[in-house]
Amino acid sequence: MSNRPLLDLLAGELRRARTARGLTQIALGEEISYSGSLVAMVEQSRRIPKLDFTERCDRVLKTEGLLGRIHHVLLSDTLLPWFREWVAIEREAVALRSYEPLVVPGLLQTEAYARALHVGASPLTGEEMEAQVIARMERQAVLSPEKPPMLVAVFDEYVLRRPVGGPEVMRDQLLHLVEVGNRHHVHLHVVPASVGAYPGLNGAFAIATPAEGDDVAYLDNQLKGHLVQNPADLLTLRNTWEAVRAEALSHGQTIEMIREAVRAWS
């Protein structure tokens, strides 16, 4: 793994702080409501933990946020190189517009759905794949602060029908969409299958609006993603966004369609 030095640093600092507090791995696990075996795997550099794990360890071990800071750098290093800058832009945005014709947008995926996507569509395996899944989950923290960005997500109806991970994974994913869709800053819109061909079928894209300065967009393909900052290209994407959004259902209609899809997967 390319991030092995950071993983070893996290493992060493966790082990040092735990022993300094006179706790066994099992005892620390009980204090933070995780298993002692997970503590052992993290200390052996065999597992990248979730942010919640390191935050709880910081509180119990009185490490003043050290483990969380290492974890943040570790996940940033885990992200594919061309995606790191976009994640930083997402964190600073006041508004995000996302269009996906094939899958649930990354910011709205459940862990099981994200893992199923990687298993079926990613060349990564094992620890590298798990690292990407964890990084995707932690990236969703952008929607949780006191003043989160407004997120408008448009996706194709077939996203609700494609059996990624099987019925249980799909049901839980769609229930998650309903839950997230109830947040005041999240607006979901489905383009119904009855629309037929429309501009969005040319590919997924996202547009971030910062508090100051111009929009930045992100495009992805089979090889890698890239940022879009050229004014003419941004105008094209904004026009495509408006065309796609015009074909989509309202937020209320979308939530009802998602609920119907939940029943179909049940």
C-alpha atoms as a PDB file:
ATOM      1  CA  MET A   1       0.000   0.000   0.000  1.00  0.00           C
ATOM      2  CA  SER A   2       1.358   3.443  -0.909  1.00  0.00           C
ATOM      3  CA  ASN A   3       0.156   4.872   2.400  1.00  0.00           C
ATOM      4  CA  ARG A   4       1.935   2.251   4.536  1.00  0.00           C
ATOM      5  CA  PRO A   5       4.176   4.787   6.364  1.00  0.00           C
ATOM      6  CA  LEU A   6       1.136   6.749   7.548  1.00  0.00           C
ATOM      7  CA  LEU A   7      -0.673   3.561   8.515  1.00  0.00           C
ATOM      8  CA  ASP A   8       2.369   2.475  10.520  1.00  0.00           C
ATOM      9  CA  LEU A   9       2.500   5.909  12.182  1.00  0.00           C
ATOM     10  CA  LEU A  10      -1.143   5.640  13.226  1.00  0.00           C
ATOM     11  CA  ALA A  11      -0.537   2.104  14.509  1.00  0.00           C
ATOM     12  CA  GLY A  12       2.509   3.157  16.518  1.00  0.00           C
ATOM     13  CA  GLU A  13       0.891   6.231  18.062  1.00  0.00           C
ATOM     14  CA  LEU A  14      -2.217   4.264  19.020  1.00  0.00           C
ATOM     15  CA  ARG A  15      -0.120   1.540  20.634  1.00  0.00           C
ATOM     16  CA  ARG A  16       2.048   4.091  22.468  1.00  0.00           C
ATOM     17  CA  ALA A  17      -0.957   6.025  23.795  1.00  0.00           C
ATOM     18  CA  ARG A  18      -2.793   2.870  24.832  1.00  0.00           C
ATOM     19  CA  THR A  19       0.130   1.422  26.763  1.00  0.00           C
ATOM     20  CA  ALA A  20       0.798   4.805  28.382  1.00  0.00           C
ATOM     21  CA  ARG A  21      -2.751   4.695  29.771  1.00  0.00           C
ATOM     22  CA  GLY A  22      -2.227   1.134  31.025  1.00  0.00           C
ATOM     23  CA  LEU A  23      -4.961  -0.354  28.836  1.00  0.00           C
ATOM     24  CA  THR A  24      -4.995  -3.688  27.059  1.00  0.00           C
ATOM     25  CA  GLN A  25      -6.349  -3.884  23.529  1.00  0.00           C
ATOM     26  CA  ILE A  26      -9.516  -5.527  24.863  1.00  0.00           C
ATOM     27  CA  ALA A  27      -9.925  -2.856  27.554  1.00  0.00           C
ATOM     28  CA  LEU A  28      -9.533  -0.041  25.036  1.00  0.00           C
ATOM     29  CA  GLY A  29     -12.041  -1.750  22.765  1.00  0.00           C
ATOM     30  CA  GLU A  30     -14.553  -1.823  25.609  1.00  0.00           C
ATOM     31  CA  GLU A  31     -13.953   1.871  26.328  1.00  0.00           C
ATOM     32  CA  ILE A  32     -14.596   2.928  22.735  1.00  0.00           C
ATOM     33  CA  SER A  33     -17.312   0.339  21.940  1.00  0.00           C
ATOM     34  CA  TYR A  34     -15.212  -1.465  19.338  1.00  0.00           C
ATOM     35  CA  SER A  35     -13.753  -4.968  19.480  1.00  0.00           C
ATOM     36  CA  GLY A  36     -10.316  -5.631  20.914  1.00  0.00           C
ATOM     37  CA  SER A  37      -9.518  -7.528  17.727  1.00  0.00           C
ATOM     38  CA  LEU A  38     -10.066  -4.361  15.685  1.00  0.00           C
ATOM     39  CA  VAL A  39      -7.732  -2.448  18.008  1.00  0.00           C
ATOM     40  CA  ALA A  40      -5.159  -5.185  17.438  1.00  0.00           C
ATOM     41  CA  MET A  41      -5.547  -5.042  13.643  1.00  0.00           C
ATOM     42  CA  VAL A  42      -5.112  -1.250  13.637  1.00  0.00           C
ATOM     43  CA  GLU A  43      -2.014  -1.535  15.832  1.00  0.00           C
ATOM     44  CA  GLN A  44      -0.620  -4.135  13.430  1.00  0.00           C
ATOM     45  CA  SER A  45      -1.225  -1.871  10.416  1.00  0.00           C
ATOM     46  CA  ARG A  46      -3.677  -4.436   9.062  1.00  0.00           C
ATOM     47  CA  ARG A  47      -6.734  -2.191   8.985  1.00  0.00           C
ATOM     48  CA  ILE A  48      -7.487   1.457   8.233  1.00  0.00           C
ATOM     49  CA  PRO A  49     -10.085   2.400  10.864  1.00  0.00           C
ATOM     50  CA  LYS A  50     -13.046   4.695  10.471  1.00  0.00           C
ATOM     51  CA  LEU A  51     -12.817   8.280  11.687  1.00  0.00           C
ATOM     52  CA  ASP A  52     -15.220   7.461  14.526  1.00  0.00           C
ATOM     53  CA  PHE A  53     -12.721   4.897  15.831  1.00  0.00           C
ATOM     54  CA  THR A  54      -9.832   7.374  15.980  1.00  0.00           C
ATOM     55  CA  GLU A  55     -11.999  10.122  17.473  1.00  0.00           C
ATOM     56  CA  ARG A  56     -13.113   7.800  20.282  1.00  0.00           C
ATOM     57  CA  CYS A  57      -9.535   6.702  20.861  1.00  0.00           C
ATOM     58  CA  ASP A  58      -8.450  10.347  21.067  1.00  0.00           C
ATOM     59  CA  ARG A  59     -11.086  11.017  23.747  1.00  0.00           C
ATOM     60  CA  VAL A  60     -10.304   7.943  25.852  1.00  0.00           C
ATOM     61  CA  LEU A  61      -6.528   8.156  25.502  1.00  0.00           C
ATOM     62  CA  LYS A  62      -6.384  11.964  25.909  1.00  0.00           C
ATOM     63  CA  THR A  63      -4.269  12.385  22.788  1.00  0.00           C
ATOM     64  CA  GLU A  64      -5.671  15.836  21.915  1.00  0.00           C
ATOM     65  CA  GLY A  65      -6.845  14.856  18.443  1.00  0.00           C
ATOM     66  CA  LEU A  66      -3.511  13.394  17.312  1.00  0.00           C
ATOM     67  CA  LEU A  67      -4.936  10.117  16.019  1.00  0.00           C
ATOM     68  CA  GLY A  68      -7.716  11.925  14.187  1.00  0.00           C
ATOM     69  CA  ARG A  69      -5.211  14.220  12.484  1.00  0.00           C
ATOM     70  CA  ILE A  70      -3.084  11.280  11.359  1.00  0.00           C
ATOM     71  CA  HIS A  71      -6.249   9.560  10.150  1.00  0.00           C
ATOM     72  CA  HIS A  72      -7.235  12.630   8.101  1.00  0.00           C
ATOM     73  CA  VAL A  73      -3.853  12.718   6.358  1.00  0.00           C
ATOM     74  CA  LEU A  74      -3.960   8.945   5.876  1.00  0.00           C
ATOM     75  CA  LEU A  75      -7.306   9.065   4.099  1.00  0.00           C
ATOM     76  CA  SER A  76      -6.225  12.034   1.989  1.00  0.00           C
ATOM     77  CA  ASP A  77      -3.200  10.001   0.925  1.00  0.00           C
ATOM     78  CA  THR A  78      -5.469   7.016   0.206  1.00  0.00           C
ATOM     79  CA  LEU A  79      -7.557   8.974  -2.307  1.00  0.00           C
ATOM     80  CA  LEU A  80      -6.606   8.529  -5.929  1.00  0.00           C
ATOM     81  CA  PRO A  81      -4.220  11.374  -6.840  1.00  0.00           C
ATOM     82  CA  TRP A  82      -6.517  13.107  -9.317  1.00  0.00           C
ATOM     83  CA  PHE A  83      -9.413  13.034  -6.833  1.00  0.00           C
ATOM     84  CA  ARG A  84      -7.699  14.648  -3.842  1.00  0.00           C
ATOM     85  CA  GLU A  85      -8.030  18.206  -5.107  1.00  0.00           C
ATOM     86  CA  TRP A  86     -11.737  17.735  -5.830  1.00  0.00           C
ATOM     87  CA  VAL A  87     -12.384  16.474  -2.294  1.00  0.00           C
ATOM     88  CA  ALA A  88     -10.695  19.597  -0.933  1.00  0.00           C
ATOM     89  CA  ILE A  89     -12.899  21.745  -3.194  1.00  0.00           C
ATOM     90  CA  GLU A  90     -16.008  19.908  -1.962  1.00  0.00           C
ATOM     91  CA  ARG A  91     -15.131  20.762   1.633  1.00  0.00           C
ATOM     92  CA  GLU A  92     -15.035  24.489   0.865  1.00  0.00           C
ATOM     93  CA  ALA A  93     -18.115  24.631  -1.380  1.00  0.00           C
ATOM     94  CA  VAL A  94     -21.344  26.354  -0.408  1.00  0.00           C
ATOM     95  CA  ALA A  95     -23.284  24.475  -3.089  1.00  0.00           C
ATOM     96  CA  LEU A  96     -22.759  21.178  -4.901  1.00  0.00           C
ATOM     97  CA  ARG A  97     -24.545  19.959  -8.021  1.00  0.00           C
ATOM     98  CA  SER A  98     -24.109  16.296  -8.909  1.00  0.00           C
ATOM     99  CA  TYR A  99     -25.416  14.269 -11.841  1.00  0.00           C
ATOM    100  CA  GLU A 100     -25.057  10.483 -12.128  1.00  0.00           C
ATOM    101  CA  PRO A 101     -26.627   8.388 -14.916  1.00  0.00           C
ATOM    102  CA  LEU A 102     -25.453   4.981 -13.621  1.00  0.00           C
ATOM    103  CA  VAL A 103     -24.946   4.822  -9.847  1.00  0.00           C
ATOM    104  CA  VAL A 104     -25.902   6.590  -6.626  1.00  0.00           C
ATOM    105  CA  PRO A 105     -23.694   9.693  -6.155  1.00  0.00           C
ATOM    106  CA  GLY A 106     -20.698   8.974  -3.924  1.00  0.00           C
ATOM    107  CA  LEU A 107     -21.760  11.478  -1.266  1.00  0.00           C
ATOM    108  CA  LEU A 108     -25.018   9.540  -0.833  1.00  0.00           C
ATOM    109  CA  GLN A 109     -23.816   5.941  -0.944  1.00  0.00           C
ATOM    110  CA  THR A 110     -24.047   3.495   1.947  1.00  0.00           C
ATOM    111  CA  GLU A 111     -20.931   1.579   2.892  1.00  0.00           C
ATOM    112  CA  ALA A 112     -22.371  -1.715   1.606  1.00  0.00           C
ATOM    113  CA  TYR A 113     -23.348  -0.139  -1.730  1.00  0.00           C
ATOM    114  CA  ALA A 114     -19.932   1.496  -2.133  1.00  0.00           C
ATOM    115  CA  ARG A 115     -18.202  -1.808  -1.367  1.00  0.00           C
ATOM    116  CA  ALA A 116     -20.400  -3.682  -3.854  1.00  0.00           C
ATOM    117  CA  LEU A 117     -19.528  -1.136  -6.537  1.00  0.00           C
ATOM    118  CA  HIS A 118     -15.817  -1.602  -5.904  1.00  0.00           C
ATOM    119  CA  VAL A 119     -16.141  -5.390  -5.908  1.00  0.00           C
ATOM    120  CA  GLY A 120     -17.968  -5.349  -9.227  1.00  0.00           C
ATOM    121  CA  ALA A 121     -16.328  -2.460 -11.047  1.00  0.00           C
ATOM    122  CA  SER A 122     -12.948  -1.562  -9.519  1.00  0.00           C
ATOM    123  CA  PRO A 123      -9.557  -3.126 -10.302  1.00  0.00           C
ATOM    124  CA  LEU A 124      -8.602  -2.675  -6.641  1.00  0.00           C
ATOM    125  CA  THR A 125      -8.858  -5.588  -4.224  1.00  0.00           C
ATOM    126  CA  GLY A 126      -8.238  -6.374  -0.576  1.00  0.00           C
ATOM    127  CA  GLU A 127      -6.822  -3.629   1.636  1.00  0.00           C
ATOM    128  CA  GLU A 128      -6.595  -1.120  -1.211  1.00  0.00           C
ATOM    129  CA  MET A 129     -10.279  -1.557  -2.008  1.00  0.00           C
ATOM    130  CA  GLU A 130     -11.293  -1.287   1.654  1.00  0.00           C
ATOM    131  CA  ALA A 131      -9.237   1.895   1.967  1.00  0.00           C
ATOM    132  CA  GLN A 132     -11.174   3.445  -0.905  1.00  0.00           C
ATOM    133  CA  VAL A 133     -14.505   2.452   0.654  1.00  0.00           C
ATOM    134  CA  ILE A 134     -13.538   4.001   3.996  1.00  0.00           C
ATOM    135  CA  ALA A 135     -12.299   7.153   2.274  1.00  0.00           C
ATOM    136  CA  ARG A 136     -15.614   7.469   0.415  1.00  0.00           C
ATOM    137  CA  MET A 137     -17.567   7.145   3.658  1.00  0.00           C
ATOM    138  CA  GLU A 138     -15.439   9.745   5.452  1.00  0.00           C
ATOM    139  CA  ARG A 139     -15.784  12.103   2.496  1.00  0.00           C
ATOM    140  CA  GLN A 140     -19.509  12.266   3.268  1.00  0.00           C
ATOM    141  CA  ALA A 141     -18.728  14.259   6.404  1.00  0.00           C
ATOM    142  CA  VAL A 142     -18.945  17.320   4.144  1.00  0.00           C
ATOM    143  CA  LEU A 143     -22.738  17.031   4.474  1.00  0.00           C
ATOM    144  CA  SER A 144     -22.697  16.958   8.274  1.00  0.00           C
ATOM    145  CA  PRO A 145     -21.253  20.248   9.606  1.00  0.00           C
ATOM    146  CA  GLU A 146     -23.366  22.989  11.146  1.00  0.00           C
ATOM    147  CA  LYS A 147     -23.525  24.819   7.820  1.00  0.00           C
ATOM    148  CA  PRO A 148     -23.290  22.111   5.149  1.00  0.00           C
ATOM    149  CA  PRO A 149     -23.344  22.984   1.461  1.00  0.00           C
ATOM    150  CA  MET A 150     -26.584  22.773  -0.433  1.00  0.00           C
ATOM    151  CA  LEU A 151     -26.491  19.523  -2.400  1.00  0.00           C
ATOM    152  CA  VAL A 152     -28.662  19.057  -5.467  1.00  0.00           C
ATOM    153  CA  ALA A 153     -28.272  15.532  -6.809  1.00  0.00           C
ATOM    154  CA  VAL A 154     -29.857  14.349 -10.055  1.00  0.00           C
ATOM    155  CA  PHE A 155     -29.656  10.728 -11.135  1.00  0.00           C
ATOM    156  CA  ASP A 156     -31.298   8.426 -13.647  1.00  0.00           C
ATOM    157  CA  GLU A 157     -34.218   6.191 -12.646  1.00  0.00           C
ATOM    158  CA  TYR A 158     -32.195   3.123 -13.589  1.00  0.00           C
ATOM    159  CA  VAL A 159     -29.953   3.898 -10.609  1.00  0.00           C
ATOM    160  CA  LEU A 160     -32.899   2.765  -8.454  1.00  0.00           C
ATOM    161  CA  ARG A 161     -33.334  -0.460 -10.435  1.00  0.00           C
ATOM    162  CA  ARG A 162     -29.753  -1.688 -10.981  1.00  0.00           C
ATOM    163  CA  PRO A 163     -29.113  -4.550  -8.463  1.00  0.00           C
ATOM    164  CA  VAL A 164     -25.806  -3.353  -7.032  1.00  0.00           C
ATOM    165  CA  GLY A 165     -24.977  -5.756  -4.212  1.00  0.00           C
ATOM    166  CA  GLY A 166     -28.370  -7.476  -4.297  1.00  0.00           C
ATOM    167  CA  PRO A 167     -31.839  -6.713  -2.873  1.00  0.00           C
ATOM    168  CA  GLU A 168     -30.812  -6.067   0.742  1.00  0.00           C
ATOM    169  CA  VAL A 169     -28.024  -3.669  -0.207  1.00  0.00           C
ATOM    170  CA  MET A 170     -30.331  -1.849  -2.611  1.00  0.00           C
ATOM    171  CA  ARG A 171     -33.163  -1.596  -0.090  1.00  0.00           C
ATOM    172  CA  ASP A 172     -30.862  -0.141   2.563  1.00  0.00           C
ATOM    173  CA  GLN A 173     -29.302   2.227   0.029  1.00  0.00           C
ATOM    174  CA  LEU A 174     -32.661   3.573  -1.076  1.00  0.00           C
ATOM    175  CA  LEU A 175     -33.871   3.948   2.508  1.00  0.00           C
ATOM    176  CA  HIS A 176     -30.711   5.958   3.127  1.00  0.00           C
ATOM    177  CA  LEU A 177     -31.598   8.210   0.188  1.00  0.00           C
ATOM    178  CA  VAL A 178     -35.018   8.841   1.716  1.00  0.00           C
ATOM    179  CA  GLU A 179     -33.426   9.684   5.075  1.00  0.00           C
ATOM    180  CA  VAL A 180     -30.831  12.023   3.570  1.00  0.00           C
ATOM    181  CA  GLY A 181     -33.496  13.553   1.333  1.00  0.00           C
ATOM    182  CA  ASN A 182     -35.325  14.763   4.442  1.00  0.00           C
ATOM    183  CA  ARG A 183     -32.436  17.078   5.319  1.00  0.00           C
ATOM    184  CA  HIS A 184     -33.145  20.692   4.486  1.00  0.00           C
ATOM    185  CA  HIS A 185     -29.953  21.158   2.489  1.00  0.00           C
ATOM    186  CA  VAL A 186     -30.301  18.074   0.263  1.00  0.00           C
ATOM    187  CA  HIS A 187     -32.475  18.026  -2.859  1.00  0.00           C
ATOM    188  CA  LEU A 188     -32.877  14.819  -4.876  1.00  0.00           C
ATOM    189  CA  HIS A 189     -34.240  14.584  -8.403  1.00  0.00           C
ATOM    190  CA  VAL A 190     -34.712  11.511 -10.590  1.00  0.00           C
ATOM    191  CA  VAL A 191     -34.859  11.612 -14.379  1.00  0.00           C
ATOM    192  CA  PRO A 192     -37.617   9.072 -15.154  1.00  0.00           C
ATOM    193  CA  ALA A 193     -37.014   6.325 -17.693  1.00  0.00           C
ATOM    194  CA  SER A 194     -39.892   7.661 -19.764  1.00  0.00           C
ATOM    195  CA  VAL A 195     -37.730  10.624 -20.779  1.00  0.00           C
ATOM    196  CA  GLY A 196     -35.725   8.525 -23.220  1.00  0.00           C
ATOM    197  CA  ALA A 197     -32.504  10.086 -24.537  1.00  0.00           C
ATOM    198  CA  TYR A 198     -31.344  13.310 -22.871  1.00  0.00           C
ATOM    199  CA  PRO A 199     -28.021  15.226 -22.571  1.00  0.00           C
ATOM    200  CA  GLY A 200     -27.035  13.671 -19.236  1.00  0.00           C
ATOM    201  CA  LEU A 201     -26.516  10.271 -20.801  1.00  0.00           C
ATOM    202  CA  ASN A 202     -23.183  11.546 -22.094  1.00  0.00           C
ATOM    203  CA  GLY A 203     -21.690  11.076 -18.629  1.00  0.00           C
ATOM    204  CA  ALA A 204     -21.573  11.999 -14.954  1.00  0.00           C
ATOM    205  CA  PHE A 205     -20.284  15.316 -13.662  1.00  0.00           C
ATOM    206  CA  ALA A 206     -20.339  17.508 -10.572  1.00  0.00           C
ATOM    207  CA  ILE A 207     -20.138  21.281 -10.092  1.00  0.00           C
ATOM    208  CA  ALA A 208     -18.941  22.973  -6.902  1.00  0.00           C
ATOM    209  CA  THR A 209     -19.714  26.591  -6.070  1.00  0.00           C
ATOM    210  CA  PRO A 210     -17.276  28.162  -3.582  1.00  0.00           C
ATOM    211  CA  ALA A 211     -18.073  31.056  -1.253  1.00  0.00           C
ATOM    212  CA  GLU A 212     -15.804  33.215  -3.399  1.00  0.00           C
ATOM    213  CA  GLY A 213     -14.552  32.757  -6.926  1.00  0.00           C
ATOM    214  CA  ASP A 214     -15.777  30.752  -9.889  1.00  0.00           C
ATOM    215  CA  ASP A 215     -17.381  27.326 -10.044  1.00  0.00           C
ATOM    216  CA  VAL A 216     -15.200  24.246 -10.454  1.00  0.00           C
ATOM    217  CA  ALA A 217     -16.436  21.034 -12.059  1.00  0.00           C
ATOM    218  CA  TYR A 218     -15.265  17.437 -11.952  1.00  0.00           C
ATOM    219  CA  LEU A 219     -15.471  14.795 -14.685  1.00  0.00           C
ATOM    220  CA  ASP A 220     -14.547  11.115 -14.396  1.00  0.00           C
ATOM    221  CA  ASN A 221     -13.917   8.337 -16.886  1.00  0.00           C
ATOM    222  CA  GLN A 222     -12.494   4.813 -17.066  1.00  0.00           C
ATOM    223  CA  LEU A 223      -8.915   6.017 -16.649  1.00  0.00           C
ATOM    224  CA  LYS A 224      -9.040   8.977 -14.277  1.00  0.00           C
ATOM    225  CA  GLY A 225     -10.919  12.117 -13.357  1.00  0.00           C
ATOM    226  CA  HIS A 226     -10.027  15.743 -13.896  1.00  0.00           C
ATOM    227  CA  LEU A 227     -11.075  19.209 -12.788  1.00  0.00           C
ATOM    228  CA  VAL A 228     -12.793  21.622 -15.179  1.00  0.00           C
ATOM    229  CA  GLN A 229     -12.038  25.315 -14.688  1.00  0.00           C
ATOM    230  CA  ASN A 230     -12.058  26.654 -18.237  1.00  0.00           C
ATOM    231  CA  PRO A 231     -14.936  29.205 -18.501  1.00  0.00           C
ATOM    232  CA  ALA A 232     -16.199  27.871 -21.836  1.00  0.00           C
ATOM    233  CA  ASP A 233     -16.231  24.275 -20.589  1.00  0.00           C
ATOM    234  CA  LEU A 234     -17.950  25.314 -17.354  1.00  0.00           C
ATOM    235  CA  LEU A 235     -20.634  27.084 -19.372  1.00  0.00           C
ATOM    236  CA  THR A 236     -21.211  23.889 -21.363  1.00  0.00           C
ATOM    237  CA  LEU A 237     -21.589  21.872 -18.176  1.00  0.00           C
ATOM    238  CA  ARG A 238     -23.930  24.429 -16.613  1.00  0.00           C
ATOM    239  CA  ASN A 239     -26.099  24.299 -19.731  1.00  0.00           C
ATOM    240  CA  THR A 240     -26.086  20.494 -19.601  1.00  0.00           C
ATOM    241  CA  TRP A 241     -27.033  20.654 -15.920  1.00  0.00           C
ATOM    242  CA  GLU A 242     -30.018  22.880 -16.679  1.00  0.00           C
ATOM    243  CA  ALA A 243     -31.130  20.566 -19.485  1.00  0.00           C
ATOM    244  CA  VAL A 244     -30.865  17.503 -17.227  1.00  0.00           C
ATOM    245  CA  ARG A 245     -32.549  19.203 -14.288  1.00  0.00           C
ATOM    246  CA  ALA A 246     -35.438  20.254 -16.552  1.00  0.00           C
ATOM    247  CA  GLU A 247     -36.150  16.586 -17.352  1.00  0.00           C
ATOM    248  CA  ALA A 248     -36.091  15.471 -13.704  1.00  0.00           C
ATOM    249  CA  LEU A 249     -38.952  15.008 -11.255  1.00  0.00           C
ATOM    250  CA  SER A 250     -39.479  17.323  -8.304  1.00  0.00           C
ATOM    251  CA  HIS A 251     -37.916  16.453  -4.957  1.00  0.00           C
ATOM    252  CA  GLY A 252     -41.252  15.246  -3.573  1.00  0.00           C
ATOM    253  CA  GLN A 253     -41.974  13.105  -6.618  1.00  0.00           C
ATOM    254  CA  THR A 254     -38.468  11.690  -6.424  1.00  0.00           C
ATOM    255  CA  ILE A 255     -38.815  10.675  -2.774  1.00  0.00           C
ATOM    256  CA  GLU A 256     -42.081   8.915  -3.611  1.00  0.00           C
ATOM    257  CA  MET A 257     -40.432   7.070  -6.519  1.00  0.00           C
ATOM    258  CA  ILE A 258     -37.587   5.998  -4.233  1.00  0.00           C
ATOM    259  CA  ARG A 259     -40.095   4.694  -1.669  1.00  0.00           C
ATOM    260  CA  GLU A 260     -41.799   2.690  -4.410  1.00  0.00           C
ATOM    261  CA  ALA A 261     -38.419   1.251  -5.406  1.00  0.00           C
ATOM    262  CA  VAL A 262     -37.773   0.297  -1.756  1.00  0.00           C
ATOM    263  CA  ARG A 263     -40.982  -1.727  -1.781  1.00  0.00           C
ATOM    264  CA  ALA A 264     -39.907  -3.409  -5.018  1.00  0.00           C
ATOM    265  CA  TRP A 265     -36.600  -4.483  -3.428  1.00  0.00           C
ATOM    266  CA  SER A 266     -38.313  -5.745  -0.262  1.00  0.00           C
END
